[in-house]
């Protein structure tokens, strides 16, 4: 999660099999508890963000949910650059510790 104003980022290690409810709880405990309810969220079209549960949660919180255009990652370039930097750092750490 990247704050577009401050450019600060939060990264969470999650598994592919996490249920939407567990991810929502993580969002509430880690983001909302620290920074209050976001005014808006721009996200990709991952099924987590397009689920009825997630949309209902954001509506109840009063957060505007905007989905990026499909196959157009430039919509949120700051997040894309931040994710690329994290991937590069993780790759470098894996190489340092003999991983592949």
PDB file of N, CA and C in Angstrom:
ATOM      1  N   UNK A   1       0.864  -1.168   0.000  1.00  0.00           N
ATOM      2  CA  UNK A   1       0.000   0.000   0.000  1.00  0.00           C
ATOM      3  C   UNK A   1       0.903   1.220   0.000  1.00  0.00           C
ATOM      4  N   UNK A   2       0.662   2.157  -0.918  1.00  0.00           N
ATOM      5  CA  UNK A   2       1.479   3.357  -1.045  1.00  0.00           C
ATOM      6  C   UNK A   2       0.600   4.583  -0.845  1.00  0.00           C
ATOM      7  N   UNK A   3       1.033   5.476   0.049  1.00  0.00           N
ATOM      8  CA  UNK A   3       0.352   6.747   0.256  1.00  0.00           C
ATOM      9  C   UNK A   3       0.851   7.707  -0.820  1.00  0.00           C
ATOM     10  N   UNK A   4      -0.041   8.180  -1.657  1.00  0.00           N
ATOM     11  CA  UNK A   4       0.379   9.017  -2.787  1.00  0.00           C
ATOM     12  C   UNK A   4       0.883  10.381  -2.346  1.00  0.00           C
ATOM     13  N   UNK A   5       0.440  10.877  -1.187  1.00  0.00           N
ATOM     14  CA  UNK A   5       0.884  12.182  -0.710  1.00  0.00           C
ATOM     15  C   UNK A   5       2.299  12.106  -0.141  1.00  0.00           C
ATOM     16  N   UNK A   6       2.520  11.198   0.800  1.00  0.00           N
ATOM     17  CA  UNK A   6       3.817  11.113   1.470  1.00  0.00           C
ATOM     18  C   UNK A   6       4.778  10.148   0.791  1.00  0.00           C
ATOM     19  N   UNK A   7       4.252   9.324  -0.115  1.00  0.00           N
ATOM     20  CA  UNK A   7       5.019   8.296  -0.814  1.00  0.00           C
ATOM     21  C   UNK A   7       5.537   7.217   0.141  1.00  0.00           C
ATOM     22  N   UNK A   8       4.987   7.162   1.352  1.00  0.00           N
ATOM     23  CA  UNK A   8       5.358   6.085   2.271  1.00  0.00           C
ATOM     24  C   UNK A   8       4.640   4.811   1.837  1.00  0.00           C
ATOM     25  N   UNK A   9       5.246   3.679   2.148  1.00  0.00           N
ATOM     26  CA  UNK A   9       4.688   2.404   1.701  1.00  0.00           C
ATOM     27  C   UNK A   9       4.624   1.413   2.853  1.00  0.00           C
ATOM     28  N   UNK A  10       3.635   0.547   2.809  1.00  0.00           N
ATOM     29  CA  UNK A  10       3.481  -0.557   3.755  1.00  0.00           C
ATOM     30  C   UNK A  10       3.441  -1.840   2.940  1.00  0.00           C
ATOM     31  N   UNK A  11       4.222  -2.818   3.360  1.00  0.00           N
ATOM     32  CA  UNK A  11       4.255  -4.102   2.673  1.00  0.00           C
ATOM     33  C   UNK A  11       3.851  -5.191   3.657  1.00  0.00           C
ATOM     34  N   UNK A  12       3.033  -6.116   3.200  1.00  0.00           N
ATOM     35  CA  UNK A  12       2.567  -7.210   4.041  1.00  0.00           C
ATOM     36  C   UNK A  12       2.801  -8.525   3.316  1.00  0.00           C
ATOM     37  N   UNK A  13       3.385  -9.461   4.020  1.00  0.00           N
ATOM     38  CA  UNK A  13       3.564 -10.800   3.459  1.00  0.00           C
ATOM     39  C   UNK A  13       2.252 -11.555   3.646  1.00  0.00           C
ATOM     40  N   UNK A  14       1.598 -11.863   2.550  1.00  0.00           N
ATOM     41  CA  UNK A  14       0.329 -12.595   2.609  1.00  0.00           C
ATOM     42  C   UNK A  14       0.409 -13.788   1.666  1.00  0.00           C
ATOM     43  N   UNK A  15      -0.379 -14.780   1.980  1.00  0.00           N
ATOM     44  CA  UNK A  15      -0.420 -15.979   1.146  1.00  0.00           C
ATOM     45  C   UNK A  15      -1.549 -15.862   0.136  1.00  0.00           C
ATOM     46  N   UNK A  16      -1.412 -16.587  -0.964  1.00  0.00           N
ATOM     47  CA  UNK A  16      -2.442 -16.576  -2.008  1.00  0.00           C
ATOM     48  C   UNK A  16      -3.777 -17.111  -1.526  1.00  0.00           C
ATOM     49  N   UNK A  17      -3.746 -17.967  -0.513  1.00  0.00           N
ATOM     50  CA  UNK A  17      -4.994 -18.581  -0.064  1.00  0.00           C
ATOM     51  C   UNK A  17      -5.689 -17.815   1.068  1.00  0.00           C
ATOM     52  N   UNK A  18      -5.221 -16.609   1.397  1.00  0.00           N
ATOM     53  CA  UNK A  18      -5.905 -15.801   2.411  1.00  0.00           C
ATOM     54  C   UNK A  18      -7.304 -15.458   1.920  1.00  0.00           C
ATOM     55  N   UNK A  19      -8.261 -15.565   2.789  1.00  0.00           N
ATOM     56  CA  UNK A  19      -9.644 -15.204   2.478  1.00  0.00           C
ATOM     57  C   UNK A  19      -9.779 -13.684   2.507  1.00  0.00           C
ATOM     58  N   UNK A  20     -10.772 -13.171   1.790  1.00  0.00           N
ATOM     59  CA  UNK A  20     -11.012 -11.731   1.722  1.00  0.00           C
ATOM     60  C   UNK A  20     -11.203 -11.140   3.108  1.00  0.00           C
ATOM     61  N   UNK A  21     -11.910 -11.847   3.980  1.00  0.00           N
ATOM     62  CA  UNK A  21     -12.159 -11.347   5.327  1.00  0.00           C
ATOM     63  C   UNK A  21     -10.856 -11.169   6.108  1.00  0.00           C
ATOM     64  N   UNK A  22      -9.911 -12.097   5.934  1.00  0.00           N
ATOM     65  CA  UNK A  22      -8.623 -11.999   6.625  1.00  0.00           C
ATOM     66  C   UNK A  22      -7.823 -10.807   6.099  1.00  0.00           C
ATOM     67  N   UNK A  23      -7.858 -10.588   4.798  1.00  0.00           N
ATOM     68  CA  UNK A  23      -7.160  -9.440   4.215  1.00  0.00           C
ATOM     69  C   UNK A  23      -7.801  -8.133   4.664  1.00  0.00           C
ATOM     70  N   UNK A  24      -9.127  -8.120   4.781  1.00  0.00           N
ATOM     71  CA  UNK A  24      -9.823  -6.922   5.262  1.00  0.00           C
ATOM     72  C   UNK A  24      -9.423  -6.629   6.704  1.00  0.00           C
ATOM     73  N   UNK A  25      -9.332  -7.671   7.531  1.00  0.00           N
ATOM     74  CA  UNK A  25      -8.912  -7.496   8.921  1.00  0.00           C
ATOM     75  C   UNK A  25      -7.488  -6.936   8.978  1.00  0.00           C
ATOM     76  N   UNK A  26      -6.612  -7.437   8.125  1.00  0.00           N
ATOM     77  CA  UNK A  26      -5.243  -6.936   8.049  1.00  0.00           C
ATOM     78  C   UNK A  26      -5.243  -5.456   7.668  1.00  0.00           C
ATOM     79  N   UNK A  27      -6.063  -5.098   6.692  1.00  0.00           N
ATOM     80  CA  UNK A  27      -6.184  -3.703   6.254  1.00  0.00           C
ATOM     81  C   UNK A  27      -6.644  -2.810   7.412  1.00  0.00           C
ATOM     82  N   UNK A  28      -7.646  -3.260   8.144  1.00  0.00           N
ATOM     83  CA  UNK A  28      -8.172  -2.472   9.266  1.00  0.00           C
ATOM     84  C   UNK A  28      -7.136  -2.361  10.384  1.00  0.00           C
ATOM     85  N   UNK A  29      -6.504  -3.472  10.742  1.00  0.00           N
ATOM     86  CA  UNK A  29      -5.554  -3.476  11.858  1.00  0.00           C
ATOM     87  C   UNK A  29      -4.251  -2.751  11.552  1.00  0.00           C
ATOM     88  N   UNK A  30      -3.800  -2.804  10.315  1.00  0.00           N
ATOM     89  CA  UNK A  30      -2.498  -2.230   9.984  1.00  0.00           C
ATOM     90  C   UNK A  30      -2.566  -0.849   9.337  1.00  0.00           C
ATOM     91  N   UNK A  31      -3.563  -0.588   8.535  1.00  0.00           N
ATOM     92  CA  UNK A  31      -3.638   0.697   7.834  1.00  0.00           C
ATOM     93  C   UNK A  31      -4.576   1.661   8.550  1.00  0.00           C
ATOM     94  N   UNK A  32      -5.817   1.262   8.717  1.00  0.00           N
ATOM     95  CA  UNK A  32      -6.794   2.161   9.332  1.00  0.00           C
ATOM     96  C   UNK A  32      -6.413   2.478  10.773  1.00  0.00           C
ATOM     97  N   UNK A  33      -5.926   1.495  11.521  1.00  0.00           N
ATOM     98  CA  UNK A  33      -5.534   1.733  12.913  1.00  0.00           C
ATOM     99  C   UNK A  33      -4.387   2.738  13.017  1.00  0.00           C
ATOM    100  N   UNK A  34      -3.521   2.770  12.029  1.00  0.00           N
ATOM    101  CA  UNK A  34      -2.363   3.677  12.059  1.00  0.00           C
ATOM    102  C   UNK A  34      -2.628   5.025  11.394  1.00  0.00           C
ATOM    103  N   UNK A  35      -3.451   5.024  10.351  1.00  0.00           N
ATOM    104  CA  UNK A  35      -3.570   6.225   9.531  1.00  0.00           C
ATOM    105  C   UNK A  35      -4.989   6.742   9.362  1.00  0.00           C
ATOM    106  N   UNK A  36      -5.971   6.105   9.975  1.00  0.00           N
ATOM    107  CA  UNK A  36      -7.382   6.451   9.822  1.00  0.00           C
ATOM    108  C   UNK A  36      -7.901   5.905   8.479  1.00  0.00           C
ATOM    109  N   UNK A  37      -9.150   6.128   8.215  1.00  0.00           N
ATOM    110  CA  UNK A  37      -9.791   5.592   7.013  1.00  0.00           C
ATOM    111  C   UNK A  37      -9.334   6.396   5.798  1.00  0.00           C
ATOM    112  N   UNK A  38      -8.852   5.736   4.750  1.00  0.00           N
ATOM    113  CA  UNK A  38      -8.439   6.466   3.551  1.00  0.00           C
ATOM    114  C   UNK A  38      -9.628   7.138   2.871  1.00  0.00           C
ATOM    115  N   UNK A  39      -9.379   8.291   2.276  1.00  0.00           N
ATOM    116  CA  UNK A  39     -10.424   8.994   1.530  1.00  0.00           C
ATOM    117  C   UNK A  39     -10.731   8.236   0.248  1.00  0.00           C
ATOM    118  N   UNK A  40      -9.681   7.753  -0.416  1.00  0.00           N
ATOM    119  CA  UNK A  40      -9.885   6.972  -1.635  1.00  0.00           C
ATOM    120  C   UNK A  40      -8.774   5.938  -1.772  1.00  0.00           C
ATOM    121  N   UNK A  41      -9.081   4.894  -2.517  1.00  0.00           N
ATOM    122  CA  UNK A  41      -8.119   3.832  -2.810  1.00  0.00           C
ATOM    123  C   UNK A  41      -8.152   3.590  -4.309  1.00  0.00           C
ATOM    124  N   UNK A  42      -6.974   3.592  -4.919  1.00  0.00           N
ATOM    125  CA  UNK A  42      -6.854   3.204  -6.324  1.00  0.00           C
ATOM    126  C   UNK A  42      -6.201   1.836  -6.322  1.00  0.00           C
ATOM    127  N   UNK A  43      -6.843   0.874  -6.945  1.00  0.00           N
ATOM    128  CA  UNK A  43      -6.294  -0.480  -6.931  1.00  0.00           C
ATOM    129  C   UNK A  43      -6.408  -1.119  -8.306  1.00  0.00           C
ATOM    130  N   UNK A  44      -5.663  -2.205  -8.453  1.00  0.00           N
ATOM    131  CA  UNK A  44      -5.784  -2.965  -9.688  1.00  0.00           C
ATOM    132  C   UNK A  44      -7.068  -3.784  -9.629  1.00  0.00           C
ATOM    133  N   UNK A  45      -7.278  -4.594 -10.619  1.00  0.00           N
ATOM    134  CA  UNK A  45      -8.532  -5.342 -10.708  1.00  0.00           C
ATOM    135  C   UNK A  45      -8.414  -6.756 -10.148  1.00  0.00           C
ATOM    136  N   UNK A  46      -7.537  -6.929  -9.180  1.00  0.00           N
ATOM    137  CA  UNK A  46      -7.430  -8.216  -8.499  1.00  0.00           C
ATOM    138  C   UNK A  46      -8.783  -8.569  -7.895  1.00  0.00           C
ATOM    139  N   UNK A  47      -9.111  -9.851  -7.878  1.00  0.00           N
ATOM    140  CA  UNK A  47     -10.432 -10.271  -7.389  1.00  0.00           C
ATOM    141  C   UNK A  47     -10.674  -9.844  -5.950  1.00  0.00           C
ATOM    142  N   UNK A  48      -9.606  -9.681  -5.173  1.00  0.00           N
ATOM    143  CA  UNK A  48      -9.756  -9.193  -3.797  1.00  0.00           C
ATOM    144  C   UNK A  48     -10.401  -7.811  -3.784  1.00  0.00           C
ATOM    145  N   UNK A  49      -9.945  -6.925  -4.666  1.00  0.00           N
ATOM    146  CA  UNK A  49     -10.446  -5.554  -4.682  1.00  0.00           C
ATOM    147  C   UNK A  49     -11.778  -5.412  -5.398  1.00  0.00           C
ATOM    148  N   UNK A  50     -12.124  -6.368  -6.226  1.00  0.00           N
ATOM    149  CA  UNK A  50     -13.393  -6.274  -6.951  1.00  0.00           C
ATOM    150  C   UNK A  50     -14.505  -7.074  -6.285  1.00  0.00           C
ATOM    151  N   UNK A  51     -14.192  -7.751  -5.185  1.00  0.00           N
ATOM    152  CA  UNK A  51     -15.212  -8.572  -4.518  1.00  0.00           C
ATOM    153  C   UNK A  51     -16.302  -7.703  -3.894  1.00  0.00           C
ATOM    154  N   UNK A  52     -17.469  -8.267  -3.795  1.00  0.00           N
ATOM    155  CA  UNK A  52     -18.603  -7.556  -3.210  1.00  0.00           C
ATOM    156  C   UNK A  52     -18.314  -7.208  -1.748  1.00  0.00           C
ATOM    157  N   UNK A  53     -17.644  -8.121  -1.036  1.00  0.00           N
ATOM    158  CA  UNK A  53     -17.307  -7.871   0.365  1.00  0.00           C
ATOM    159  C   UNK A  53     -16.423  -6.632   0.500  1.00  0.00           C
ATOM    160  N   UNK A  54     -15.346  -6.564  -0.304  1.00  0.00           N
ATOM    161  CA  UNK A  54     -14.407  -5.434  -0.227  1.00  0.00           C
ATOM    162  C   UNK A  54     -15.109  -4.122  -0.582  1.00  0.00           C
ATOM    163  N   UNK A  55     -15.927  -4.150  -1.625  1.00  0.00           N
ATOM    164  CA  UNK A  55     -16.659  -2.941  -2.019  1.00  0.00           C
ATOM    165  C   UNK A  55     -17.607  -2.506  -0.914  1.00  0.00           C
ATOM    166  N   UNK A  56     -18.287  -3.456  -0.280  1.00  0.00           N
ATOM    167  CA  UNK A  56     -19.211  -3.135   0.810  1.00  0.00           C
ATOM    168  C   UNK A  56     -18.466  -2.558   2.007  1.00  0.00           C
ATOM    169  N   UNK A  57     -17.299  -3.127   2.321  1.00  0.00           N
ATOM    170  CA  UNK A  57     -16.493  -2.621   3.430  1.00  0.00           C
ATOM    171  C   UNK A  57     -16.084  -1.179   3.176  1.00  0.00           C
ATOM    172  N   UNK A  58     -15.577  -0.893   1.978  1.00  0.00           N
ATOM    173  CA  UNK A  58     -15.137   0.466   1.672  1.00  0.00           C
ATOM    174  C   UNK A  58     -16.306   1.447   1.667  1.00  0.00           C
ATOM    175  N   UNK A  59     -17.449   1.013   1.185  1.00  0.00           N
ATOM    176  CA  UNK A  59     -18.634   1.875   1.197  1.00  0.00           C
ATOM    177  C   UNK A  59     -19.030   2.189   2.634  1.00  0.00           C
ATOM    178  N   UNK A  60     -19.019   1.184   3.506  1.00  0.00           N
ATOM    179  CA  UNK A  60     -19.369   1.391   4.916  1.00  0.00           C
ATOM    180  C   UNK A  60     -18.383   2.334   5.598  1.00  0.00           C
ATOM    181  N   UNK A  61     -17.113   2.278   5.190  1.00  0.00           N
ATOM    182  CA  UNK A  61     -16.097   3.152   5.764  1.00  0.00           C
ATOM    183  C   UNK A  61     -16.113   4.545   5.144  1.00  0.00           C
ATOM    184  N   UNK A  62     -16.820   4.704   4.036  1.00  0.00           N
ATOM    185  CA  UNK A  62     -16.871   5.992   3.356  1.00  0.00           C
ATOM    186  C   UNK A  62     -15.680   6.244   2.457  1.00  0.00           C
ATOM    187  N   UNK A  63     -15.010   5.187   2.030  1.00  0.00           N
ATOM    188  CA  UNK A  63     -13.843   5.300   1.159  1.00  0.00           C
ATOM    189  C   UNK A  63     -14.263   5.127  -0.293  1.00  0.00           C
ATOM    190  N   UNK A  64     -13.802   6.033  -1.145  1.00  0.00           N
ATOM    191  CA  UNK A  64     -14.069   5.910  -2.579  1.00  0.00           C
ATOM    192  C   UNK A  64     -13.110   4.872  -3.149  1.00  0.00           C
ATOM    193  N   UNK A  65     -13.631   3.882  -3.837  1.00  0.00           N
ATOM    194  CA  UNK A  65     -12.820   2.812  -4.417  1.00  0.00           C
ATOM    195  C   UNK A  65     -12.778   2.986  -5.924  1.00  0.00           C
ATOM    196  N   UNK A  66     -11.587   3.260  -6.457  1.00  0.00           N
ATOM    197  CA  UNK A  66     -11.390   3.429  -7.898  1.00  0.00           C
ATOM    198  C   UNK A  66     -10.509   2.300  -8.405  1.00  0.00           C
ATOM    199  N   UNK A  67     -10.957   1.628  -9.442  1.00  0.00           N
ATOM    200  CA  UNK A  67     -10.178   0.546 -10.036  1.00  0.00           C
ATOM    201  C   UNK A  67      -9.433   1.067 -11.258  1.00  0.00           C
ATOM    202  N   UNK A  68      -8.191   0.633 -11.399  1.00  0.00           N
ATOM    203  CA  UNK A  68      -7.415   1.057 -12.558  1.00  0.00           C
ATOM    204  C   UNK A  68      -7.987   0.415 -13.815  1.00  0.00           C
ATOM    205  N   UNK A  69      -7.679   1.015 -14.944  1.00  0.00           N
ATOM    206  CA  UNK A  69      -8.112   0.472 -16.224  1.00  0.00           C
ATOM    207  C   UNK A  69      -7.375  -0.837 -16.479  1.00  0.00           C
ATOM    208  N   UNK A  70      -8.083  -1.842 -16.944  1.00  0.00           N
ATOM    209  CA  UNK A  70      -7.464  -3.142 -17.209  1.00  0.00           C
ATOM    210  C   UNK A  70      -6.315  -2.995 -18.203  1.00  0.00           C
ATOM    211  N   UNK A  71      -5.235  -3.704 -17.935  1.00  0.00           N
ATOM    212  CA  UNK A  71      -4.038  -3.700 -18.784  1.00  0.00           C
ATOM    213  C   UNK A  71      -3.449  -2.302 -18.960  1.00  0.00           C
ATOM    214  N   UNK A  72      -3.597  -1.465 -17.942  1.00  0.00           N
ATOM    215  CA  UNK A  72      -3.068  -0.106 -17.992  1.00  0.00           C
ATOM    216  C   UNK A  72      -2.451   0.228 -16.635  1.00  0.00           C
ATOM    217  N   UNK A  73      -1.306  -0.405 -16.285  1.00  0.00           N
ATOM    218  CA  UNK A  73      -0.720  -0.214 -14.960  1.00  0.00           C
ATOM    219  C   UNK A  73      -0.223   1.204 -14.702  1.00  0.00           C
ATOM    220  N   UNK A  74      -0.132   2.023 -15.737  1.00  0.00           N
ATOM    221  CA  UNK A  74       0.349   3.388 -15.564  1.00  0.00           C
ATOM    222  C   UNK A  74      -0.610   4.237 -14.737  1.00  0.00           C
ATOM    223  N   UNK A  75      -1.833   3.746 -14.520  1.00  0.00           N
ATOM    224  CA  UNK A  75      -2.814   4.490 -13.736  1.00  0.00           C
ATOM    225  C   UNK A  75      -2.237   4.871 -12.385  1.00  0.00           C
ATOM    226  N   UNK A  76      -1.481   3.981 -11.779  1.00  0.00           N
ATOM    227  CA  UNK A  76      -0.882   4.257 -10.481  1.00  0.00           C
ATOM    228  C   UNK A  76       0.614   3.987 -10.562  1.00  0.00           C
ATOM    229  N   UNK A  77       1.311   4.823 -11.292  1.00  0.00           N
ATOM    230  CA  UNK A  77       2.733   4.634 -11.545  1.00  0.00           C
ATOM    231  C   UNK A  77       3.593   4.616 -10.298  1.00  0.00           C
ATOM    232  N   UNK A  78       3.248   5.436  -9.289  1.00  0.00           N
ATOM    233  CA  UNK A  78       4.038   5.474  -8.059  1.00  0.00           C
ATOM    234  C   UNK A  78       4.045   4.110  -7.382  1.00  0.00           C
ATOM    235  N   UNK A  79       2.892   3.490  -7.292  1.00  0.00           N
ATOM    236  CA  UNK A  79       2.820   2.159  -6.675  1.00  0.00           C
ATOM    237  C   UNK A  79       3.601   1.143  -7.491  1.00  0.00           C
ATOM    238  N   UNK A  80       3.473   1.213  -8.812  1.00  0.00           N
ATOM    239  CA  UNK A  80       4.194   0.270  -9.673  1.00  0.00           C
ATOM    240  C   UNK A  80       5.704   0.405  -9.482  1.00  0.00           C
ATOM    241  N   UNK A  81       6.207   1.640  -9.393  1.00  0.00           N
ATOM    242  CA  UNK A  81       7.643   1.855  -9.182  1.00  0.00           C
ATOM    243  C   UNK A  81       8.072   1.342  -7.808  1.00  0.00           C
ATOM    244  N   UNK A  82       7.250   1.585  -6.793  1.00  0.00           N
ATOM    245  CA  UNK A  82       7.565   1.124  -5.444  1.00  0.00           C
ATOM    246  C   UNK A  82       7.609  -0.397  -5.392  1.00  0.00           C
ATOM    247  N   UNK A  83       6.659  -1.050  -6.024  1.00  0.00           N
ATOM    248  CA  UNK A  83       6.629  -2.516  -6.062  1.00  0.00           C
ATOM    249  C   UNK A  83       7.857  -3.054  -6.792  1.00  0.00           C
ATOM    250  N   UNK A  84       8.249  -2.414  -7.891  1.00  0.00           N
ATOM    251  CA  UNK A  84       9.435  -2.844  -8.633  1.00  0.00           C
ATOM    252  C   UNK A  84      10.684  -2.725  -7.765  1.00  0.00           C
ATOM    253  N   UNK A  85      10.793  -1.640  -6.993  1.00  0.00           N
ATOM    254  CA  UNK A  85      11.930  -1.461  -6.093  1.00  0.00           C
ATOM    255  C   UNK A  85      11.958  -2.557  -5.036  1.00  0.00           C
ATOM    256  N   UNK A  86      10.801  -2.875  -4.451  1.00  0.00           N
ATOM    257  CA  UNK A  86      10.727  -3.948  -3.459  1.00  0.00           C
ATOM    258  C   UNK A  86      11.143  -5.280  -4.076  1.00  0.00           C
ATOM    259  N   UNK A  87      10.656  -5.576  -5.275  1.00  0.00           N
ATOM    260  CA  UNK A  87      11.030  -6.825  -5.949  1.00  0.00           C
ATOM    261  C   UNK A  87      12.536  -6.899  -6.167  1.00  0.00           C
ATOM    262  N   UNK A  88      13.144  -5.781  -6.578  1.00  0.00           N
ATOM    263  CA  UNK A  88      14.595  -5.747  -6.786  1.00  0.00           C
ATOM    264  C   UNK A  88      15.340  -6.008  -5.480  1.00  0.00           C
ATOM    265  N   UNK A  89      14.865  -5.394  -4.386  1.00  0.00           N
ATOM    266  CA  UNK A  89      15.507  -5.576  -3.086  1.00  0.00           C
ATOM    267  C   UNK A  89      15.375  -7.024  -2.606  1.00  0.00           C
ATOM    268  N   UNK A  90      14.202  -7.612  -2.767  1.00  0.00           N
ATOM    269  CA  UNK A  90      13.996  -9.002  -2.362  1.00  0.00           C
ATOM    270  C   UNK A  90      14.852  -9.953  -3.193  1.00  0.00           C
ATOM    271  N   UNK A  91      14.952  -9.667  -4.484  1.00  0.00           N
ATOM    272  CA  UNK A  91      15.782 -10.492  -5.368  1.00  0.00           C
ATOM    273  C   UNK A  91      17.249 -10.420  -4.932  1.00  0.00           C
ATOM    274  N   UNK A  92      17.725  -9.214  -4.595  1.00  0.00           N
ATOM    275  CA  UNK A  92      19.109  -9.044  -4.151  1.00  0.00           C
ATOM    276  C   UNK A  92      19.356  -9.785  -2.837  1.00  0.00           C
ATOM    277  N   UNK A  93      18.403  -9.725  -1.915  1.00  0.00           N
ATOM    278  CA  UNK A  93      18.542 -10.450  -0.640  1.00  0.00           C
ATOM    279  C   UNK A  93      18.573 -11.951  -0.872  1.00  0.00           C
ATOM    280  N   UNK A  94      17.722 -12.432  -1.755  1.00  0.00           N
ATOM    281  CA  UNK A  94      17.684 -13.867  -2.045  1.00  0.00           C
ATOM    282  C   UNK A  94      19.015 -14.324  -2.632  1.00  0.00           C
ATOM    283  N   UNK A  95      19.605 -13.503  -3.491  1.00  0.00           N
ATOM    284  CA  UNK A  95      20.895 -13.855  -4.092  1.00  0.00           C
ATOM    285  C   UNK A  95      21.990 -13.846  -3.029  1.00  0.00           C
ATOM    286  N   UNK A  96      21.941 -12.880  -2.098  1.00  0.00           N
ATOM    287  CA  UNK A  96      22.941 -12.801  -1.032  1.00  0.00           C
ATOM    288  C   UNK A  96      22.908 -14.029  -0.128  1.00  0.00           C
ATOM    289  N   UNK A  97      21.725 -14.600   0.042  1.00  0.00           N
ATOM    290  CA  UNK A  97      21.578 -15.745   0.936  1.00  0.00           C
ATOM    291  C   UNK A  97      21.500 -17.066   0.183  1.00  0.00           C
ATOM    292  N   UNK A  98      21.897 -17.054  -1.079  1.00  0.00           N
ATOM    293  CA  UNK A  98      21.995 -18.284  -1.852  1.00  0.00           C
ATOM    294  C   UNK A  98      20.688 -18.815  -2.397  1.00  0.00           C
ATOM    295  N   UNK A  99      19.648 -18.004  -2.366  1.00  0.00           N
ATOM    296  CA  UNK A  99      18.368 -18.449  -2.922  1.00  0.00           C
ATOM    297  C   UNK A  99      18.342 -18.275  -4.425  1.00  0.00           C
ATOM    298  N   UNK A 100      17.289 -18.786  -5.072  1.00  0.00           N
ATOM    299  CA  UNK A 100      17.166 -18.585  -6.517  1.00  0.00           C
ATOM    300  C   UNK A 100      15.833 -18.019  -6.852  1.00  0.00           C
TER     301      UNK A 100
END
